[in-house]
């Protein structure tokens, strides 16, 4: 089988490595891929948002199955375009990907179908938003309606920060058209949990839960990032909470989308807050999370391609999806200065004994060498019977990798260990 994976980050590298385990797979193409993915797939310089280029390549190469991983091409209709030409895909159609593509849509969906989430208000007029914030509860959360590379959310701790956030989105257009409409919502507190799930529009099969670490510095200090590391499973996500989420959030969401004529098939990501009043949805993503994928897929015992095809063919309920016992930890190595300005072009040294555990996000090939090309450069994952052992192994491997200006958090998993009371 010839497989095409659209995207070029650490998430896509994790998907490529897992797909490679299927013996029926003869070739894997990554569009555009990156310098690290090139070790495991043929990288093709077609941008993930170039829908025509993606379709043309698939037809030229006779691709048997396509996996569209990032949010942008999903929202732009890559799956629709490929399916129209007879290429079977994993990923939602554009009319279902709106669940991530529009915060306003997702909030209104939850309100309509009684799915627990934060209280909110929608604004298209900046003056009205600013007026509302004069007396709104603080802290508050301000979200740009559309996609913004995962950065369109500002948690405002003061009224002035909230007012500045609205102006930056609606007046200064820091997120472009994504800020034409905004959502101002209630600030929730409690442990956060990420749950990725397979769904064929009828059945929902949650994957192992995970805990992301968004801040750049140890102790959750510094700027928000795309994620500096993850652990799985999340100790706060008990069997009882999982059952409650299935009943009140997961199935109701999939059924709501079907009722709206927007059947969702693919990976539906639930960002949850475990509040005193029960679990609530913070956000939906229409695809695998990054870097959550880098801890979830290494724990998947079932064949990923088989599960994905079952999703496409609406046969998920007939397919076993099994995860290994144990835990996983992923440590992200980033470029000095990330998430602000950083230099790139530094050679990355990854010893062969740890390369299988490395998922490369931001790298290019230059003069035959793999060099840094992004803020988040790579993730290093380890699995073990216990979380403490997985963390120890992940850091052992991380210390063997080097590039100029590399930095990483030293406390990934510390919160989870405290919750487990592990040493």
Protein backbone atom coordinates (compact mmCIF):
# COMPACT_ATOMS: atom_id res chain seq x y z
CA UNK A 1 0.00 0.00 0.00
CA UNK A 2 1.09 3.54 -0.77
CA UNK A 3 0.28 5.89 2.10
CA UNK A 4 0.31 9.69 2.09
CA UNK A 5 0.55 11.67 5.34
CA UNK A 6 -0.24 15.38 5.04
CA UNK A 7 1.70 17.55 7.50
CA UNK A 8 5.22 18.11 8.69
CA UNK A 9 5.54 18.14 12.48
CA UNK A 10 6.24 15.84 15.41
CA UNK A 11 2.67 14.57 15.33
CA UNK A 12 3.07 13.50 11.71
CA UNK A 13 6.40 11.82 12.50
CA UNK A 14 4.67 9.80 15.24
CA UNK A 15 1.91 8.79 12.79
CA UNK A 16 4.45 7.83 10.10
CA UNK A 17 6.46 5.65 12.52
CA UNK A 18 3.32 3.88 13.71
CA UNK A 19 1.99 3.33 10.17
CA UNK A 20 5.36 1.79 9.20
CA UNK A 21 4.61 -1.12 11.55
CA UNK A 22 1.96 -2.41 9.11
CA UNK A 23 3.62 -4.94 6.79
CA UNK A 24 1.22 -4.13 3.94
CA UNK A 25 2.66 -0.62 3.71
CA UNK A 26 5.20 -0.37 0.90
CA UNK A 27 5.70 3.40 0.65
CA UNK A 28 4.94 6.40 2.85
CA UNK A 29 5.00 9.94 1.50
CA UNK A 30 4.93 12.98 3.81
CA UNK A 31 3.69 16.31 2.40
CA UNK A 32 5.76 18.32 3.16
CA UNK A 33 7.34 16.31 6.00
CA UNK A 34 10.60 17.61 7.48
CA UNK A 35 14.28 16.76 7.77
CA UNK A 36 13.64 14.24 10.54
CA UNK A 37 10.61 12.58 8.96
CA UNK A 38 12.83 12.03 5.88
CA UNK A 39 14.43 9.10 7.73
CA UNK A 40 11.08 7.27 7.77
CA UNK A 41 9.16 8.54 4.72
CA UNK A 42 9.69 10.19 1.35
CA UNK A 43 9.23 13.92 1.94
CA UNK A 44 7.57 15.86 -0.89
CA UNK A 45 7.76 19.70 -1.00
CA UNK A 46 4.00 20.27 -1.22
CA UNK A 47 2.59 22.63 1.41
CA UNK A 48 -0.05 21.14 3.70
CA UNK A 49 -2.45 23.94 2.67
CA UNK A 50 -1.93 23.38 -1.06
CA UNK A 51 -5.07 21.31 -1.60
CA UNK A 52 -4.69 21.08 -5.38
CA UNK A 53 -1.04 20.05 -5.02
CA UNK A 54 -1.97 17.36 -2.48
CA UNK A 55 -4.70 15.92 -4.72
CA UNK A 56 -2.50 16.00 -7.83
CA UNK A 57 0.32 14.20 -6.02
CA UNK A 58 -2.05 11.54 -4.69
CA UNK A 59 -3.35 10.84 -8.19
CA UNK A 60 0.12 10.86 -9.79
CA UNK A 61 1.51 8.37 -7.27
CA UNK A 62 -1.61 6.19 -7.06
CA UNK A 63 -1.95 6.73 -3.30
CA UNK A 64 -4.07 4.01 -1.68
CA UNK A 65 -4.82 5.85 1.57
CA UNK A 66 -4.31 9.41 2.81
CA UNK A 67 -4.02 10.68 6.37
CA UNK A 68 -4.65 14.41 6.72
CA UNK A 69 -3.20 15.36 10.10
CA UNK A 70 -3.10 19.18 10.63
CA UNK A 71 -6.06 21.48 11.26
CA UNK A 72 -5.56 23.89 8.34
CA UNK A 73 -5.91 21.40 5.45
CA UNK A 74 -8.83 19.70 7.21
CA UNK A 75 -10.70 22.99 7.60
CA UNK A 76 -9.79 23.89 4.00
CA UNK A 77 -11.39 20.67 2.72
CA UNK A 78 -8.42 18.42 1.87
CA UNK A 79 -10.40 15.29 2.75
CA UNK A 80 -13.35 16.41 0.62
CA UNK A 81 -11.06 17.08 -2.35
CA UNK A 82 -9.23 13.74 -2.04
CA UNK A 83 -12.41 11.72 -1.58
CA UNK A 84 -13.95 13.42 -4.62
CA UNK A 85 -11.11 11.89 -6.65
CA UNK A 86 -11.55 8.45 -5.10
CA UNK A 87 -8.73 8.57 -2.54
CA UNK A 88 -9.89 7.14 0.82
CA UNK A 89 -8.85 9.31 3.78
CA UNK A 90 -8.53 9.49 7.52
CA UNK A 91 -9.79 12.83 8.78
CA UNK A 92 -13.04 14.80 8.90
CA UNK A 93 -14.65 16.62 5.99
CA UNK A 94 -14.54 20.42 6.10
CA UNK A 95 -18.11 20.72 7.37
CA UNK A 96 -17.15 18.60 10.41
CA UNK A 97 -13.69 20.15 10.90
CA UNK A 98 -15.52 23.40 11.72
CA UNK A 99 -15.72 22.04 15.28
CA UNK A 100 -12.15 23.34 15.59
CA UNK A 101 -12.25 25.85 12.76
CA UNK A 102 -14.79 28.04 14.58
CA UNK A 103 -14.84 28.51 18.34
CA UNK A 104 -18.24 30.19 17.98
CA UNK A 105 -19.64 27.13 16.20
CA UNK A 106 -18.34 24.72 18.84
CA UNK A 107 -19.64 26.81 21.75
CA UNK A 108 -23.07 27.13 20.15
CA UNK A 109 -23.12 23.38 19.45
CA UNK A 110 -22.41 22.62 23.11
CA UNK A 111 -25.05 25.07 24.28
CA UNK A 112 -27.67 23.65 21.90
CA UNK A 113 -27.04 20.03 22.91
CA UNK A 114 -26.37 20.52 26.63
CA UNK A 115 -22.71 19.52 26.54
CA UNK A 116 -20.94 20.93 29.65
CA UNK A 117 -18.62 23.86 28.92
CA UNK A 118 -17.76 27.32 30.25
CA UNK A 119 -20.33 30.12 30.08
CA UNK A 120 -19.57 32.47 27.19
CA UNK A 121 -20.53 35.44 25.03
CA UNK A 122 -19.79 36.03 21.33
CA UNK A 123 -18.77 39.44 19.97
CA UNK A 124 -18.36 40.78 16.42
CA UNK A 125 -18.14 44.40 17.55
CA UNK A 126 -15.03 45.47 19.46
CA UNK A 127 -16.72 48.30 21.36
CA UNK A 128 -19.42 45.93 22.61
CA UNK A 129 -16.74 43.49 23.78
CA UNK A 130 -14.82 46.23 25.59
CA UNK A 131 -18.02 47.46 27.24
CA UNK A 132 -18.85 43.95 28.44
CA UNK A 133 -15.39 43.57 29.96
CA UNK A 134 -15.89 46.65 32.15
CA UNK A 135 -17.95 44.51 34.54
CA UNK A 136 -17.21 40.91 33.47
CA UNK A 137 -15.73 38.48 36.02
CA UNK A 138 -11.92 38.40 36.03
CA UNK A 139 -9.89 36.29 35.26
CA UNK A 140 -11.50 35.58 31.91
CA UNK A 141 -10.62 33.78 28.68
CA UNK A 142 -10.63 35.48 25.26
CA UNK A 143 -10.60 33.31 22.13
CA UNK A 144 -10.27 34.20 18.46
CA UNK A 145 -13.01 32.45 16.51
CA UNK A 146 -10.86 30.84 13.81
CA UNK A 147 -7.63 28.88 13.60
CA UNK A 148 -4.53 30.65 14.94
CA UNK A 149 -1.83 27.96 15.10
CA UNK A 150 -3.13 26.97 18.52
CA UNK A 151 -2.30 30.43 19.87
CA UNK A 152 -5.63 32.23 19.56
CA UNK A 153 -6.50 31.92 23.24
CA UNK A 154 -5.54 34.49 25.89
CA UNK A 155 -6.14 33.96 29.60
CA UNK A 156 -6.48 37.45 31.06
CA UNK A 157 -5.66 37.75 34.75
CA UNK A 158 -6.53 41.44 34.96
CA UNK A 159 -9.15 43.68 33.35
CA UNK A 160 -6.42 45.59 31.50
CA UNK A 161 -5.03 42.33 30.04
CA UNK A 162 -8.54 41.40 28.90
CA UNK A 163 -9.07 44.76 27.20
CA UNK A 164 -5.65 44.53 25.52
CA UNK A 165 -6.43 41.01 24.30
CA UNK A 166 -9.66 42.15 22.65
CA UNK A 167 -7.95 45.09 20.96
CA UNK A 168 -5.07 42.93 19.73
CA UNK A 169 -7.47 40.42 18.18
CA UNK A 170 -10.19 42.68 16.80
CA UNK A 171 -8.33 45.93 16.08
CA UNK A 172 -4.70 44.93 15.49
CA UNK A 173 -5.66 41.61 13.81
CA UNK A 174 -2.77 39.68 15.40
CA UNK A 175 -4.55 36.48 14.36
CA UNK A 176 -5.79 37.86 11.04
CA UNK A 177 -9.39 37.13 10.09
CA UNK A 178 -9.60 34.61 12.95
CA UNK A 179 -10.13 37.58 15.26
CA UNK A 180 -13.08 39.08 13.35
CA UNK A 181 -15.29 37.33 15.91
CA UNK A 182 -14.25 36.49 19.44
CA UNK A 183 -15.54 34.43 22.33
CA UNK A 184 -15.22 35.73 25.88
CA UNK A 185 -15.76 32.92 28.33
CA UNK A 186 -15.79 31.97 31.97
CA UNK A 187 -12.43 31.06 33.49
CA UNK A 188 -12.57 27.45 34.70
CA UNK A 189 -10.25 25.85 37.24
CA UNK A 190 -9.19 22.27 37.85
CA UNK A 191 -6.84 19.69 36.33
CA UNK A 192 -6.69 19.73 32.51
CA UNK A 193 -6.94 16.50 30.54
CA UNK A 194 -6.46 15.79 26.84
CA UNK A 195 -8.41 12.86 25.40
CA UNK A 196 -7.93 11.94 21.74
CA UNK A 197 -10.58 9.65 20.33
CA UNK A 198 -11.25 7.64 17.21
CA UNK A 199 -14.75 8.09 15.85
CA UNK A 200 -16.48 6.94 12.67
CA UNK A 201 -19.46 9.18 13.30
CA UNK A 202 -21.33 6.43 15.16
CA UNK A 203 -18.95 4.90 17.70
CA UNK A 204 -16.40 6.68 19.86
CA UNK A 205 -13.25 4.95 21.10
CA UNK A 206 -11.20 7.20 23.41
CA UNK A 207 -7.46 6.75 23.41
CA UNK A 208 -5.32 6.90 26.54
CA UNK A 209 -5.63 10.26 28.32
CA UNK A 210 -2.68 12.61 28.54
CA UNK A 211 -1.40 15.71 30.34
CA UNK A 212 0.21 18.53 28.34
CA UNK A 213 2.70 21.11 29.66
CA UNK A 214 2.11 24.39 27.82
CA UNK A 215 4.41 26.88 29.55
CA UNK A 216 7.99 27.27 28.31
CA UNK A 217 9.64 27.14 31.74
CA UNK A 218 9.84 24.78 34.68
CA UNK A 219 7.09 25.12 37.26
CA UNK A 220 4.67 26.27 34.56
CA UNK A 221 6.43 29.62 34.15
CA UNK A 222 7.12 31.63 31.03
CA UNK A 223 5.13 32.05 27.85
CA UNK A 224 2.53 29.66 26.50
CA UNK A 225 3.87 27.34 23.81
CA UNK A 226 2.52 24.66 21.50
CA UNK A 227 3.46 22.17 24.23
CA UNK A 228 6.77 21.40 25.96
CA UNK A 229 6.00 17.80 26.85
CA UNK A 230 3.33 15.28 27.75
CA UNK A 231 2.69 12.24 29.89
CA UNK A 232 0.11 9.48 29.55
CA UNK A 233 -2.12 8.39 31.10
CA UNK A 234 -3.30 11.45 33.02
CA UNK A 235 -3.66 10.41 36.71
CA UNK A 236 -6.58 12.79 37.28
CA UNK A 237 -8.64 11.01 34.61
CA UNK A 238 -10.13 8.12 36.59
CA UNK A 239 -12.38 5.34 35.28
CA UNK A 240 -15.35 7.10 36.89
CA UNK A 241 -14.57 10.40 35.15
CA UNK A 242 -14.00 8.56 31.86
CA UNK A 243 -17.45 6.99 32.11
CA UNK A 244 -19.01 10.39 32.88
CA UNK A 245 -17.23 11.96 29.90
CA UNK A 246 -18.43 9.22 27.57
CA UNK A 247 -22.04 9.73 28.70
CA UNK A 248 -22.13 13.53 28.92
CA UNK A 249 -19.49 14.72 26.43
CA UNK A 250 -18.03 12.23 23.94
CA UNK A 251 -21.15 10.48 22.60
CA UNK A 252 -23.32 13.63 22.82
CA UNK A 253 -20.75 15.54 20.75
CA UNK A 254 -20.56 12.91 18.00
CA UNK A 255 -24.35 12.57 17.97
CA UNK A 256 -24.76 16.36 17.89
CA UNK A 257 -22.48 16.64 14.88
CA UNK A 258 -24.43 13.90 13.11
CA UNK A 259 -27.73 15.66 13.92
CA UNK A 260 -26.33 18.86 12.42
CA UNK A 261 -25.51 17.05 9.16
CA UNK A 262 -21.80 17.26 9.97
CA UNK A 263 -20.89 13.62 10.69
CA UNK A 264 -17.38 13.59 12.16
CA UNK A 265 -15.01 10.80 11.08
CA UNK A 266 -11.41 10.87 12.21
CA UNK A 267 -9.65 11.84 15.41
CA UNK A 268 -11.71 14.11 17.66
CA UNK A 269 -9.67 15.72 20.42
CA UNK A 270 -11.37 16.69 23.67
CA UNK A 271 -9.60 19.31 25.79
CA UNK A 272 -11.24 18.94 29.20
CA UNK A 273 -11.18 20.73 32.55
CA UNK A 274 -12.10 18.64 35.58
CA UNK A 275 -13.97 21.28 37.58
CA UNK A 276 -15.70 21.01 40.96
CA UNK A 277 -18.96 20.73 39.00
CA UNK A 278 -17.66 17.90 36.83
CA UNK A 279 -15.75 17.65 33.54
CA UNK A 280 -16.28 20.46 31.04
CA UNK A 281 -15.05 20.98 27.48
CA UNK A 282 -12.40 23.69 27.08
CA UNK A 283 -11.86 23.03 23.38
CA UNK A 284 -12.33 20.58 20.54
CA UNK A 285 -9.66 19.81 17.95
CA UNK A 286 -10.50 18.08 14.69
CA UNK A 287 -7.26 16.08 14.65
CA UNK A 288 -4.52 14.41 16.69
CA UNK A 289 -2.96 16.76 19.25
CA UNK A 290 0.71 17.67 19.25
CA UNK A 291 2.60 16.60 21.38
CA UNK A 292 -0.13 14.33 22.86
CA UNK A 293 0.15 12.01 19.84
CA UNK A 294 3.79 11.35 20.73
CA UNK A 295 2.79 9.64 24.00
CA UNK A 296 -0.53 8.11 22.95
CA UNK A 297 0.52 6.27 19.77
CA UNK A 298 3.56 4.53 21.35
CA UNK A 299 1.08 2.95 23.80
CA UNK A 300 -1.26 1.77 21.02
CA UNK A 301 -1.04 -2.01 20.68
CA UNK A 302 -3.48 -2.32 17.78
CA UNK A 303 -2.39 -1.58 14.23
CA UNK A 304 -2.98 2.13 13.57
CA UNK A 305 -3.67 1.84 9.86
CA UNK A 306 -6.28 -0.88 10.48
CA UNK A 307 -8.05 1.33 13.03
CA UNK A 308 -7.93 4.33 10.71
CA UNK A 309 -9.41 2.35 7.84
CA UNK A 310 -12.17 1.12 10.16
CA UNK A 311 -12.98 4.77 10.89
CA UNK A 312 -13.10 5.58 7.19
CA UNK A 313 -15.32 2.56 6.46
CA UNK A 314 -17.56 3.18 9.51
CA UNK A 315 -16.65 -0.17 11.03
CA UNK A 316 -15.01 1.07 14.24
CA UNK A 317 -17.38 -0.88 16.49
CA UNK A 318 -16.19 -4.11 14.83
CA UNK A 319 -12.48 -3.30 15.28
CA UNK A 320 -10.37 -3.90 18.38
CA UNK A 321 -8.53 -0.82 19.65
CA UNK A 322 -6.14 -1.95 22.36
CA UNK A 323 -3.59 0.01 24.38
CA UNK A 324 -0.65 -1.32 26.37
CA UNK A 325 -0.57 -1.10 30.13
CA UNK A 326 2.01 1.32 31.47
CA UNK A 327 2.92 4.95 30.91
CA UNK A 328 4.67 7.23 28.45
CA UNK A 329 6.53 10.52 28.70
CA UNK A 330 7.55 12.91 25.92
CA UNK A 331 10.08 15.71 26.47
CA UNK A 332 10.17 18.48 23.85
CA UNK A 333 13.56 19.93 22.91
CA UNK A 334 13.17 23.49 21.63
CA UNK A 335 15.33 26.25 20.17
CA UNK A 336 16.62 28.93 22.56
CA UNK A 337 14.17 31.85 22.51
CA UNK A 338 11.08 29.80 21.62
CA UNK A 339 8.16 30.69 21.58
CA UNK A 340 9.52 34.15 20.70
CA UNK A 341 12.42 34.79 18.31
CA UNK A 342 14.97 32.00 17.82
CA UNK A 343 17.83 31.14 15.48
CA UNK A 344 17.84 28.08 13.23
CA UNK A 345 20.20 26.09 11.04
CA UNK A 346 22.09 24.27 13.81
CA UNK A 347 23.06 20.64 13.25
CA UNK A 348 21.05 18.11 15.28
CA UNK A 349 22.94 15.14 16.69
CA UNK A 350 20.72 12.13 17.42
CA UNK A 351 22.60 8.93 18.36
CA UNK A 352 21.27 5.86 16.55
CA UNK A 353 20.41 4.11 19.84
CA UNK A 354 17.73 6.69 20.63
CA UNK A 355 16.51 7.60 17.11
CA UNK A 356 13.48 5.27 17.26
CA UNK A 357 12.22 7.25 20.27
CA UNK A 358 12.57 10.65 18.59
CA UNK A 359 9.77 12.49 16.77
CA UNK A 360 11.14 15.42 14.80
CA UNK A 361 9.02 18.56 14.45
CA UNK A 362 11.27 21.36 13.18
CA UNK A 363 14.21 20.21 11.06
CA UNK A 364 15.53 20.49 7.53
CA UNK A 365 18.25 18.81 5.50
CA UNK A 366 21.12 21.14 4.60
CA UNK A 367 24.33 19.95 2.93
CA UNK A 368 23.44 16.40 3.89
CA UNK A 369 23.00 17.27 7.57
CA UNK A 370 19.82 17.50 9.67
CA UNK A 371 19.56 21.04 11.04
CA UNK A 372 17.04 22.93 13.19
CA UNK A 373 14.30 24.80 11.34
CA UNK A 374 11.64 25.43 13.99
CA UNK A 375 10.94 26.48 17.55
CA UNK A 376 9.91 23.06 18.78
CA UNK A 377 12.63 20.90 17.24
CA UNK A 378 11.85 17.38 18.42
CA UNK A 379 10.19 15.23 21.06
CA UNK A 380 11.79 12.33 22.89
CA UNK A 381 9.41 9.62 24.13
CA UNK A 382 9.88 6.69 26.46
CA UNK A 383 7.39 4.07 27.67
CA UNK A 384 7.62 2.00 30.86
CA UNK A 385 5.52 0.09 33.37
CA UNK A 386 5.35 3.13 35.68
CA UNK A 387 5.22 6.84 35.01
CA UNK A 388 8.31 7.56 37.11
CA UNK A 389 10.30 5.05 35.04
CA UNK A 390 8.98 6.47 31.75
CA UNK A 391 10.02 9.98 32.82
CA UNK A 392 13.48 8.80 33.88
CA UNK A 393 14.02 6.99 30.57
CA UNK A 394 12.77 9.94 28.51
CA UNK A 395 15.24 12.30 30.17
CA UNK A 396 18.08 9.79 29.81
CA UNK A 397 17.45 9.71 26.06
CA UNK A 398 17.01 13.49 25.84
CA UNK A 399 20.43 14.07 27.39
CA UNK A 400 22.05 12.12 24.53
CA UNK A 401 20.70 14.49 21.87
CA UNK A 402 22.30 17.85 21.13
CA UNK A 403 22.05 20.97 19.00
CA UNK A 404 23.19 24.53 19.63
CA UNK A 405 20.72 26.51 21.73
CA UNK A 406 18.72 23.44 22.79
CA UNK A 407 16.53 23.78 25.87
CA UNK A 408 13.85 21.68 27.50
CA UNK A 409 11.82 21.63 30.68
CA UNK A 410 13.23 19.48 33.48
CA UNK A 411 9.90 18.87 35.22
CA UNK A 412 7.71 17.14 32.63
CA UNK A 413 5.45 14.75 34.54
CA UNK A 414 6.19 16.21 38.00
CA UNK A 415 2.56 17.22 38.53
CA UNK A 416 1.36 13.80 37.45
CA UNK A 417 3.80 12.07 39.81
CA UNK A 418 2.58 14.26 42.67
CA UNK A 419 -0.99 13.24 41.87
CA UNK A 420 0.03 9.58 41.86
CA UNK A 421 2.22 10.08 44.96
CA UNK A 422 4.99 8.30 43.06
CA UNK A 423 8.66 9.11 43.65
